[in-house]
N, C-alpha and C. Protein backbone atom coordinates (compact mmCIF):
# COMPACT_ATOMS: atom_id res chain seq x y z
N MET A 1 84.36 144.20 222.09
CA MET A 1 85.84 143.52 220.74
C MET A 1 84.69 143.67 219.84
N ASN A 2 84.82 144.37 218.46
CA ASN A 2 84.61 144.86 216.95
C ASN A 2 84.77 143.78 216.03
N GLU A 3 84.51 142.18 215.59
CA GLU A 3 84.51 141.58 214.80
C GLU A 3 84.94 142.43 213.34
N THR A 4 85.79 142.07 213.20
CA THR A 4 85.88 142.28 211.35
C THR A 4 86.65 141.60 210.34
N ILE A 5 85.44 140.78 209.60
CA ILE A 5 86.39 140.51 208.24
C ILE A 5 87.00 141.27 207.71
N GLU A 6 88.63 141.04 207.17
CA GLU A 6 89.47 141.77 206.13
C GLU A 6 89.29 141.32 204.63
N ARG A 7 88.33 140.57 204.19
CA ARG A 7 88.10 140.26 203.10
C ARG A 7 86.78 138.89 203.62
N GLN A 8 86.56 138.78 201.84
CA GLN A 8 85.52 137.52 201.17
C GLN A 8 86.10 136.91 201.38
N PRO A 9 85.30 135.68 201.86
CA PRO A 9 85.50 134.49 201.58
C PRO A 9 85.51 133.75 200.48
N THR A 10 85.36 133.10 199.76
CA THR A 10 84.13 131.88 198.22
C THR A 10 83.11 131.47 199.81
N LEU A 11 83.48 131.14 200.81
CA LEU A 11 82.63 130.41 201.26
C LEU A 11 82.54 130.85 202.48
N TYR A 12 81.74 130.22 203.50
CA TYR A 12 81.14 130.46 205.14
C TYR A 12 80.57 128.50 205.42
N LEU A 13 81.44 128.39 206.16
CA LEU A 13 81.29 126.64 207.02
C LEU A 13 81.25 127.19 208.28
N LEU A 14 79.43 127.16 208.91
CA LEU A 14 78.78 127.62 209.99
C LEU A 14 78.52 126.26 210.41
N ILE A 15 78.63 126.37 211.45
CA ILE A 15 78.94 124.98 212.95
C ILE A 15 78.41 125.80 213.66
N ASP A 16 77.27 124.28 214.14
CA ASP A 16 77.11 124.42 215.57
C ASP A 16 77.05 122.51 216.46
N PHE A 17 77.54 122.89 217.23
CA PHE A 17 78.10 121.59 218.21
C PHE A 17 76.76 121.83 219.49
N GLU A 18 76.35 120.42 219.21
CA GLU A 18 76.00 119.96 220.98
C GLU A 18 76.44 119.15 221.41
N ALA A 19 76.84 119.15 223.40
CA ALA A 19 77.12 118.35 224.20
C ALA A 19 76.76 117.82 224.93
N THR A 20 77.62 116.91 225.45
CA THR A 20 76.64 116.72 227.01
C THR A 20 77.28 117.66 228.17
N CYS A 21 75.90 117.67 228.84
CA CYS A 21 75.76 118.72 229.54
C CYS A 21 74.55 118.39 230.46
N ALA A 22 74.87 118.86 231.79
CA ALA A 22 73.90 118.68 233.00
C ALA A 22 73.48 119.93 233.80
N ASP A 23 72.53 120.12 234.50
CA ASP A 23 72.04 121.12 235.29
C ASP A 23 72.20 120.97 236.96
N ASP A 24 73.11 120.02 237.62
CA ASP A 24 72.93 119.73 238.28
C ASP A 24 75.07 119.55 238.71
N GLY A 25 75.97 120.06 237.53
CA GLY A 25 77.13 120.03 238.20
C GLY A 25 77.18 118.31 237.71
N ALA A 26 77.34 117.86 236.94
CA ALA A 26 77.09 116.16 237.32
C ALA A 26 78.26 116.31 235.97
N VAL A 27 78.69 117.06 234.93
CA VAL A 27 79.05 117.47 233.85
C VAL A 27 79.43 118.18 233.63
N PRO A 28 80.50 118.11 234.52
CA PRO A 28 81.86 119.46 234.37
C PRO A 28 81.85 120.62 233.70
N ARG A 29 81.88 121.50 233.23
CA ARG A 29 82.16 122.28 231.78
C ARG A 29 84.12 121.45 230.67
N HIS A 30 84.31 121.67 231.85
CA HIS A 30 85.87 120.84 230.93
C HIS A 30 85.57 119.72 230.07
N GLN A 31 84.41 118.86 231.01
CA GLN A 31 84.38 117.72 230.57
C GLN A 31 83.39 117.31 229.85
N MET A 32 83.13 118.43 229.12
CA MET A 32 81.95 118.40 228.05
C MET A 32 82.04 117.55 226.48
N GLU A 33 81.88 116.84 226.11
CA GLU A 33 82.54 116.20 225.05
C GLU A 33 80.65 116.62 223.89
N ILE A 34 81.92 116.92 222.72
CA ILE A 34 80.25 117.15 221.51
C ILE A 34 79.89 116.19 221.44
N ILE A 35 78.66 115.60 221.00
CA ILE A 35 77.41 115.03 221.17
C ILE A 35 76.93 115.31 219.88
N GLU A 36 76.98 116.42 218.54
CA GLU A 36 76.39 116.40 217.05
C GLU A 36 77.68 117.29 216.90
N ILE A 37 77.62 116.84 215.30
CA ILE A 37 78.08 118.36 214.42
C ILE A 37 77.05 118.31 214.01
N GLY A 38 76.45 119.64 213.54
CA GLY A 38 75.83 120.05 212.62
C GLY A 38 76.23 121.32 211.64
N ALA A 39 76.47 121.52 210.09
CA ALA A 39 77.66 122.20 209.86
C ALA A 39 76.64 122.12 208.17
N VAL A 40 77.15 123.65 207.67
CA VAL A 40 75.99 124.23 206.53
C VAL A 40 77.23 124.97 205.96
N MET A 41 77.50 124.40 204.69
CA MET A 41 78.47 126.06 204.01
C MET A 41 77.38 126.46 203.06
N VAL A 42 77.61 127.83 203.22
CA VAL A 42 77.11 128.62 202.86
C VAL A 42 78.18 129.30 201.09
N ASP A 43 77.69 129.73 199.93
CA ASP A 43 78.00 130.75 198.75
C ASP A 43 78.16 132.04 199.53
N THR A 44 79.19 132.45 199.88
CA THR A 44 79.25 134.13 200.54
C THR A 44 79.21 135.38 199.13
N ALA A 45 78.99 134.96 197.66
CA ALA A 45 78.44 135.91 196.91
C ALA A 45 76.86 135.76 196.41
N SER A 46 76.73 134.47 196.58
CA SER A 46 74.64 134.13 196.99
C SER A 46 74.11 133.95 197.98
N LEU A 47 75.06 134.11 199.11
CA LEU A 47 74.11 133.52 200.28
C LEU A 47 73.55 131.86 200.37
N ALA A 48 73.58 130.98 199.17
CA ALA A 48 73.31 129.99 198.83
C ALA A 48 73.72 129.10 199.63
N VAL A 49 72.99 128.58 200.29
CA VAL A 49 73.71 126.61 201.47
C VAL A 49 73.21 125.93 200.27
N VAL A 50 75.11 125.50 199.94
CA VAL A 50 75.82 124.64 199.16
C VAL A 50 75.99 123.45 199.68
N GLY A 51 75.86 123.28 200.94
CA GLY A 51 76.12 120.94 200.79
C GLY A 51 75.84 122.02 202.52
N GLU A 52 75.89 120.17 203.25
CA GLU A 52 75.78 120.36 204.91
C GLU A 52 76.03 118.63 205.24
N PHE A 53 76.41 119.16 206.22
CA PHE A 53 76.88 118.52 207.12
C PHE A 53 76.89 117.30 209.09
N GLN A 54 76.43 116.33 208.90
CA GLN A 54 75.35 115.95 210.06
C GLN A 54 76.05 115.15 210.46
N SER A 55 76.00 114.75 212.20
CA SER A 55 76.78 113.11 212.81
C SER A 55 77.14 113.53 213.82
N PHE A 56 76.03 112.71 214.50
CA PHE A 56 75.69 112.64 215.72
C PHE A 56 77.40 111.99 217.02
N VAL A 57 77.79 112.27 217.68
CA VAL A 57 79.36 111.80 217.84
C VAL A 57 79.35 110.76 219.76
N ARG A 58 79.87 109.62 219.84
CA ARG A 58 79.82 108.64 220.98
C ARG A 58 80.74 110.03 221.96
N PRO A 59 80.08 110.07 223.14
CA PRO A 59 80.63 111.04 224.67
C PRO A 59 81.83 109.25 225.02
N VAL A 60 82.85 109.85 225.32
CA VAL A 60 83.25 108.54 226.39
C VAL A 60 83.28 108.93 227.53
N ARG A 61 83.44 110.38 228.18
CA ARG A 61 83.82 110.70 229.63
C ARG A 61 82.47 110.81 230.34
N HIS A 62 80.97 111.35 229.84
CA HIS A 62 80.07 110.77 230.59
C HIS A 62 79.45 110.12 229.07
N PRO A 63 79.20 108.87 229.41
CA PRO A 63 78.67 108.41 228.34
C PRO A 63 77.12 108.12 228.10
N ARG A 64 76.88 108.66 229.29
CA ARG A 64 74.49 108.50 229.20
C ARG A 64 74.44 110.13 229.38
N LEU A 65 73.72 109.84 228.33
CA LEU A 65 73.33 111.34 228.74
C LEU A 65 72.19 112.16 229.38
N THR A 66 72.20 112.89 230.37
CA THR A 66 71.52 113.22 231.27
C THR A 66 69.84 113.45 230.81
N ALA A 67 69.19 113.76 232.03
CA ALA A 67 67.96 113.95 231.24
C ALA A 67 67.82 115.16 231.05
N PHE A 68 68.55 115.76 231.48
CA PHE A 68 69.00 117.46 231.16
C PHE A 68 69.09 117.70 229.90
N CYS A 69 69.81 116.99 228.74
CA CYS A 69 70.96 117.07 227.72
C CYS A 69 69.66 116.38 227.17
N THR A 70 68.85 115.06 227.32
CA THR A 70 68.03 114.75 226.25
C THR A 70 67.16 116.03 225.99
N ARG A 71 66.49 115.93 227.19
CA ARG A 71 64.88 117.31 226.89
C ARG A 71 65.35 118.62 226.12
N LEU A 72 67.02 119.56 226.37
CA LEU A 72 67.15 120.51 225.49
C LEU A 72 67.65 120.39 224.44
N THR A 73 68.60 119.00 223.85
CA THR A 73 69.34 118.55 222.63
C THR A 73 68.47 117.85 221.83
N SER A 74 66.83 117.69 222.46
CA SER A 74 66.11 115.84 221.74
C SER A 74 67.08 114.54 220.94
N ILE A 75 68.35 115.07 221.60
CA ILE A 75 69.21 113.99 221.58
C ILE A 75 69.01 112.80 222.29
N ALA A 76 68.89 111.29 221.49
CA ALA A 76 68.77 110.70 222.20
C ALA A 76 69.41 109.96 222.93
N GLN A 77 69.94 108.70 223.83
CA GLN A 77 70.73 107.65 223.84
C GLN A 77 70.80 107.29 222.90
N ALA A 78 70.26 106.41 222.51
CA ALA A 78 70.63 105.98 221.48
C ALA A 78 70.93 105.95 220.16
N ASP A 79 70.96 107.31 219.73
CA ASP A 79 71.60 107.99 218.62
C ASP A 79 73.57 107.99 219.25
N VAL A 80 73.41 108.43 220.44
CA VAL A 80 74.72 108.82 220.90
C VAL A 80 75.57 107.32 220.55
N ASP A 81 74.94 106.51 221.15
CA ASP A 81 75.10 105.21 220.88
C ASP A 81 75.79 104.01 220.24
N ALA A 82 75.15 104.44 218.94
CA ALA A 82 75.45 104.19 217.39
C ALA A 82 76.11 104.69 216.79
N ALA A 83 76.79 106.42 217.69
CA ALA A 83 76.91 107.03 216.61
C ALA A 83 78.75 106.59 216.34
N PRO A 84 79.23 107.04 215.74
CA PRO A 84 80.53 107.79 216.03
C PRO A 84 81.61 107.76 217.12
N GLY A 85 83.32 107.41 217.22
CA GLY A 85 83.86 108.37 218.45
C GLY A 85 84.29 109.85 217.51
N PHE A 86 84.88 110.83 218.72
CA PHE A 86 84.68 111.88 217.74
C PHE A 86 86.22 111.83 217.06
N ALA A 87 87.35 110.50 217.08
CA ALA A 87 88.03 110.54 215.48
C ALA A 87 87.28 110.99 214.72
N GLU A 88 86.60 109.60 214.79
CA GLU A 88 86.39 109.22 213.29
C GLU A 88 85.27 110.87 212.63
N ALA A 89 84.54 110.69 214.08
CA ALA A 89 83.37 111.81 213.37
C ALA A 89 83.84 113.41 212.86
N ALA A 90 85.21 113.68 213.40
CA ALA A 90 85.85 114.51 213.34
C ALA A 90 86.58 114.60 211.42
N ALA A 91 87.10 112.95 211.31
CA ALA A 91 87.48 113.03 210.48
C ALA A 91 86.65 112.99 208.80
N ALA A 92 85.51 112.60 209.29
CA ALA A 92 84.17 112.74 208.52
C ALA A 92 83.91 114.53 207.75
N LEU A 93 83.75 115.17 208.78
CA LEU A 93 83.63 116.19 208.71
C LEU A 93 84.79 117.26 207.85
N LYS A 94 86.63 116.84 208.11
CA LYS A 94 87.22 117.42 207.39
C LYS A 94 86.97 116.40 205.38
N ALA A 95 87.24 115.22 205.44
CA ALA A 95 86.66 115.07 204.89
C ALA A 95 85.70 115.69 203.63
N TRP A 96 84.19 115.96 204.20
CA TRP A 96 83.41 116.74 203.97
C TRP A 96 83.56 117.82 203.53
N ARG A 97 84.34 118.26 204.75
CA ARG A 97 84.99 120.52 204.51
C ARG A 97 86.47 120.27 202.88
N GLY A 98 86.50 119.28 203.09
CA GLY A 98 88.45 119.23 201.84
C GLY A 98 87.08 119.08 200.60
N GLY A 99 86.16 118.91 200.67
CA GLY A 99 85.71 119.81 199.00
C GLY A 99 85.35 120.72 199.05
N TYR A 100 85.74 121.26 199.88
CA TYR A 100 85.60 123.47 199.78
C TYR A 100 86.37 124.16 199.99
N ALA A 101 87.13 124.69 199.60
CA ALA A 101 88.58 126.33 199.08
C ALA A 101 88.10 126.99 199.54
N ASP A 102 89.04 128.40 200.33
CA ASP A 102 89.02 129.31 200.42
C ASP A 102 87.29 129.50 200.88
N LEU A 103 87.80 128.93 201.94
CA LEU A 103 86.24 129.35 203.65
C LEU A 103 86.71 129.38 204.64
N VAL A 104 85.79 130.71 205.44
CA VAL A 104 86.00 130.79 207.13
C VAL A 104 85.27 129.92 207.37
N TRP A 105 85.29 129.53 208.96
CA TRP A 105 83.99 129.22 209.57
C TRP A 105 83.37 129.77 210.64
N GLY A 106 82.30 129.51 210.68
CA GLY A 106 81.74 131.18 211.75
C GLY A 106 81.06 129.78 212.63
N SER A 107 80.56 129.96 213.79
CA SER A 107 79.40 129.61 214.79
C SER A 107 78.72 130.83 215.92
N TRP A 108 77.77 130.60 216.52
CA TRP A 108 76.96 132.06 217.30
C TRP A 108 77.57 132.14 218.30
N GLY A 109 78.58 133.33 218.90
CA GLY A 109 79.09 132.70 219.71
C GLY A 109 80.68 131.95 219.29
N ASP A 110 81.52 131.81 220.34
CA ASP A 110 83.10 131.36 220.35
C ASP A 110 83.16 129.78 221.63
N TYR A 111 81.41 129.43 221.69
CA TYR A 111 81.09 128.20 222.87
C TYR A 111 81.86 127.04 221.15
N ASP A 112 81.37 126.83 220.71
CA ASP A 112 81.69 126.21 219.13
C ASP A 112 83.15 126.13 218.88
N ARG A 113 83.76 127.51 219.14
CA ARG A 113 85.14 127.19 218.31
C ARG A 113 86.28 126.41 220.64
N ASN A 114 85.32 126.97 221.28
CA ASN A 114 86.11 126.23 222.21
C ASN A 114 86.08 125.30 222.30
N GLN A 115 84.80 124.42 222.28
CA GLN A 115 83.73 122.87 222.25
C GLN A 115 85.40 122.34 221.42
N LEU A 116 85.04 122.72 220.16
CA LEU A 116 86.14 122.13 219.44
C LEU A 116 87.05 121.56 219.69
N GLN A 117 87.96 123.00 219.90
CA GLN A 117 89.26 122.80 220.73
C GLN A 117 89.74 122.15 221.90
N GLN A 118 88.50 121.64 222.39
CA GLN A 118 88.47 121.39 223.85
C GLN A 118 89.05 119.42 223.38
N ASP A 119 87.47 118.87 222.28
CA ASP A 119 87.60 117.77 222.25
C ASP A 119 88.99 117.55 221.36
N CYS A 120 89.19 118.05 220.62
CA CYS A 120 90.45 117.94 219.60
C CYS A 120 91.50 117.77 220.55
N ASP A 121 91.64 118.58 221.66
CA ASP A 121 92.75 118.25 222.75
C ASP A 121 92.74 116.94 223.59
N PHE A 122 91.01 116.47 223.89
CA PHE A 122 91.35 115.71 224.90
C PHE A 122 91.64 114.15 223.86
N HIS A 123 90.87 114.30 222.49
CA HIS A 123 90.75 112.96 221.82
C HIS A 123 92.47 112.95 221.07
N ARG A 124 93.06 113.88 221.03
CA ARG A 124 94.97 114.06 220.77
C ARG A 124 94.40 113.89 219.01
N VAL A 125 93.46 115.07 218.24
CA VAL A 125 93.10 115.13 216.68
C VAL A 125 93.70 116.04 216.32
N SER A 126 93.84 116.34 215.34
CA SER A 126 93.94 118.08 214.51
C SER A 126 92.67 118.65 214.34
N ASN A 127 92.83 119.72 214.66
CA ASN A 127 91.31 120.44 214.04
C ASN A 127 90.76 120.26 213.41
N PRO A 128 89.77 119.74 212.65
CA PRO A 128 88.86 119.34 211.47
C PRO A 128 88.77 120.71 209.98
N VAL A 129 88.39 121.53 210.90
CA VAL A 129 88.47 122.38 210.28
C VAL A 129 89.47 123.22 209.51
N GLY A 130 90.76 123.19 209.95
CA GLY A 130 91.81 123.57 210.03
C GLY A 130 91.00 125.87 209.44
N ALA A 131 90.62 126.85 209.35
CA ALA A 131 90.11 127.78 208.70
C ALA A 131 90.28 128.83 209.81
N PRO A 132 90.11 129.75 209.29
CA PRO A 132 90.12 131.18 210.58
C PRO A 132 88.40 131.22 211.18
N HIS A 133 88.09 131.56 211.79
CA HIS A 133 86.77 131.76 212.57
C HIS A 133 86.41 132.95 212.93
N HIS A 134 84.89 133.39 212.60
CA HIS A 134 84.21 134.08 213.10
C HIS A 134 82.73 133.87 214.26
N ASN A 135 83.04 134.74 215.09
CA ASN A 135 81.68 135.37 215.61
C ASN A 135 80.48 135.65 214.45
N ILE A 136 79.75 135.28 214.38
CA ILE A 136 78.83 135.26 213.65
C ILE A 136 78.29 136.29 214.96
N LYS A 137 77.30 135.68 216.05
CA LYS A 137 76.41 137.01 216.89
C LYS A 137 77.10 137.84 217.29
N ARG A 138 78.28 138.24 217.24
CA ARG A 138 79.12 139.45 217.54
C ARG A 138 78.87 140.57 216.13
N LEU A 139 78.70 139.57 215.35
CA LEU A 139 78.68 141.06 214.28
C LEU A 139 77.57 140.74 213.98
N PHE A 140 76.65 139.89 214.25
CA PHE A 140 74.97 139.81 213.99
C PHE A 140 74.50 141.38 214.95
N ALA A 141 75.23 141.58 215.89
CA ALA A 141 75.00 142.50 216.89
C ALA A 141 75.22 143.58 216.69
N GLN A 142 77.27 143.35 215.55
CA GLN A 142 77.26 145.00 215.56
C GLN A 142 76.39 145.95 214.94
N ARG A 143 75.80 144.59 213.34
CA ARG A 143 75.09 144.88 212.54
C ARG A 143 73.98 146.26 213.27
N GLU A 144 73.42 144.88 214.04
CA GLU A 144 72.16 145.43 214.79
C GLU A 144 71.25 146.83 215.70
N GLY A 145 72.98 146.98 215.77
CA GLY A 145 73.19 148.31 216.30
C GLY A 145 72.27 148.78 217.42
N SER A 146 71.50 147.82 218.70
CA SER A 146 71.22 148.20 219.88
C SER A 146 71.94 148.08 221.40
N GLY A 147 73.23 147.35 220.56
CA GLY A 147 73.89 146.84 222.02
C GLY A 147 73.51 145.83 222.82
N ARG A 148 72.25 144.92 222.10
CA ARG A 148 72.08 143.64 222.60
C ARG A 148 72.34 142.48 222.50
N LYS A 149 72.43 141.58 223.19
CA LYS A 149 73.30 139.71 222.91
C LYS A 149 72.66 139.71 223.03
N PHE A 150 71.98 138.64 221.41
CA PHE A 150 71.10 137.70 221.34
C PHE A 150 71.16 136.15 221.07
N GLY A 151 70.65 135.76 221.34
CA GLY A 151 70.18 133.87 221.29
C GLY A 151 70.29 133.52 219.84
N LEU A 152 70.88 133.01 219.77
CA LEU A 152 69.86 132.05 218.61
C LEU A 152 69.00 132.18 218.41
N ASP A 153 67.52 131.69 219.00
CA ASP A 153 66.26 132.56 219.35
C ASP A 153 66.30 133.40 218.46
N GLY A 154 66.48 134.33 219.64
CA GLY A 154 65.98 135.85 219.59
C GLY A 154 67.15 136.44 218.22
N GLY A 155 68.32 136.14 217.75
CA GLY A 155 68.24 137.14 216.55
C GLY A 155 67.43 136.22 215.68
N VAL A 156 66.75 135.22 215.05
CA VAL A 156 65.77 134.55 214.74
C VAL A 156 64.42 135.58 214.98
N LYS A 157 63.84 135.62 215.79
CA LYS A 157 63.05 136.46 216.16
C LYS A 157 63.23 137.92 216.20
N ARG A 158 64.66 138.45 216.07
CA ARG A 158 65.00 139.77 215.79
C ARG A 158 64.64 140.35 214.05
N VAL A 159 64.31 139.13 213.38
CA VAL A 159 64.46 139.75 211.84
C VAL A 159 63.28 139.01 211.86
N ARG A 160 62.32 138.76 212.90
CA ARG A 160 60.87 138.78 212.59
C ARG A 160 60.85 136.93 211.65
N LEU A 161 61.73 136.05 211.95
CA LEU A 161 61.40 134.66 211.30
C LEU A 161 61.09 134.03 212.88
N ASP A 162 60.46 132.60 211.64
CA ASP A 162 60.67 131.97 213.15
C ASP A 162 61.26 130.71 212.89
N PHE A 163 61.75 130.22 213.98
CA PHE A 163 63.42 129.12 214.30
C PHE A 163 62.83 128.23 213.31
N ALA A 164 63.52 127.55 212.63
CA ALA A 164 62.97 126.82 211.27
C ALA A 164 64.19 125.47 211.79
N GLY A 165 63.13 123.98 212.38
CA GLY A 165 63.61 122.69 213.10
C GLY A 165 63.53 122.77 214.80
N THR A 166 64.68 122.23 215.24
CA THR A 166 64.51 122.24 216.27
C THR A 166 65.90 123.05 217.09
N HIS A 167 65.30 123.78 218.12
CA HIS A 167 66.18 124.91 218.99
C HIS A 167 67.87 123.60 219.74
N HIS A 168 68.93 123.64 219.86
CA HIS A 168 69.78 122.76 220.53
C HIS A 168 70.41 121.27 219.37
N ARG A 169 69.50 121.84 218.28
CA ARG A 169 69.74 119.93 217.46
C ARG A 169 71.01 120.55 216.84
N GLY A 170 72.34 120.77 216.32
CA GLY A 170 73.22 120.66 215.48
C GLY A 170 72.69 121.70 214.15
N ILE A 171 72.64 120.35 213.51
CA ILE A 171 71.92 120.80 212.51
C ILE A 171 71.17 121.96 211.71
N ASP A 172 70.22 121.86 213.05
CA ASP A 172 69.65 122.83 212.76
C ASP A 172 69.85 124.40 212.81
N ASP A 173 70.36 124.30 213.81
CA ASP A 173 71.58 125.56 214.83
C ASP A 173 71.88 126.39 213.70
N ALA A 174 72.85 125.46 213.27
CA ALA A 174 73.42 125.61 211.70
C ALA A 174 72.72 126.34 210.58
N ARG A 175 72.02 126.00 210.40
CA ARG A 175 70.45 126.18 209.49
C ARG A 175 70.60 127.99 210.01
N ASN A 176 69.58 127.42 211.02
CA ASN A 176 69.50 128.82 211.33
C ASN A 176 70.36 130.17 211.30
N ILE A 177 71.58 129.46 211.29
CA ILE A 177 72.88 130.06 211.67
C ILE A 177 72.90 131.44 210.29
N ALA A 178 72.50 130.36 209.58
CA ALA A 178 72.90 130.90 208.06
C ALA A 178 71.56 131.84 207.47
N ARG A 179 70.40 131.29 207.92
CA ARG A 179 69.30 132.32 207.56
C ARG A 179 69.83 133.62 207.38
N LEU A 180 70.39 133.64 209.34
CA LEU A 180 70.52 134.94 210.02
C LEU A 180 72.02 135.46 208.91
N LEU A 181 73.36 134.71 208.63
CA LEU A 181 74.08 135.69 208.05
C LEU A 181 74.28 136.76 206.94
N PRO A 182 72.98 136.91 206.14
CA PRO A 182 72.57 137.89 205.54
C PRO A 182 72.37 139.23 206.81
N TYR A 183 72.84 139.37 207.98
CA TYR A 183 72.17 139.71 208.80
C TYR A 183 73.78 140.82 209.11
N ALA A 184 74.13 139.35 209.87
CA ALA A 184 75.51 139.81 210.08
C ALA A 184 76.70 140.52 208.98
N LEU A 185 76.31 140.39 207.79
CA LEU A 185 77.22 140.58 206.69
C LEU A 185 77.24 141.67 206.63
N GLY A 186 75.83 142.76 206.73
CA GLY A 186 75.30 144.17 206.60
C GLY A 186 74.44 143.79 204.83
N ARG A 187 74.17 142.29 204.58
CA ARG A 187 73.49 142.46 203.07
C ARG A 187 72.33 142.37 203.16
N ALA A 188 71.38 141.73 204.36
CA ALA A 188 70.10 142.84 204.84
C ALA A 188 69.71 143.65 205.49
N GLU A 189 68.72 144.48 205.12
CA GLU A 189 68.63 145.19 205.94
C GLU A 189 67.55 144.66 207.34
N PHE A 190 67.70 145.02 209.08
CA PHE A 190 67.05 144.89 209.95
C PHE A 190 65.56 145.73 209.77
N PRO A 191 64.44 144.82 209.97
CA PRO A 191 63.08 144.96 210.27
C PRO A 191 62.97 146.47 211.95
N ARG A 192 62.71 146.88 211.31
CA ARG A 192 62.10 148.11 212.74
C ARG A 192 61.54 147.94 213.22
N GLU A 193 61.73 147.90 214.97
CA GLU A 193 61.85 147.28 215.77
C GLU A 193 60.10 147.32 216.52
N ARG A 194 58.78 146.28 216.58
CA ARG A 194 57.55 147.20 216.58
C ARG A 194 57.33 147.72 218.47
N ARG A 195 57.04 148.51 217.96
CA ARG A 195 56.90 149.73 219.43
C ARG A 195 55.40 149.08 220.16
């Protein structure tokens, strides 16, 4: 399926969520909950970052993080214990996002869009983003042209950058998506692959 952008918005809101997880089935997919919101606002004309938002979120279905989740994300139990619940964190994201108009939001794949909707449904709150979604991973793959599907770290390596920050931390992943946006939009040339 091709991802298309009918018109260029003024802003791109790039979001990455981290969620409760387990490698042993202890946290079923349909019970995963957002534990970190990382968001970066990018001006479409200049591709400059114009704002950032980050919040940990306290989970309720599986309030104790698994050792796997902590290893994967580097998010500690104390981070989520002291965090607001989803409704409050979503309201803070919405308030921050409200200062910006004419935007679309994007994430590296569709996981984040689906996870956000799952949490909104479970907590019975409206979607705090309220804008069309674009799959930046798909746009990146289409522009790159090899037919490969890149994870976020693979996309960063493909353009010969070093991953900035900690992979699987929401704010750092959102910042790295912003670094790949010029390639996904066709405004930066992909380096030739080394042989």
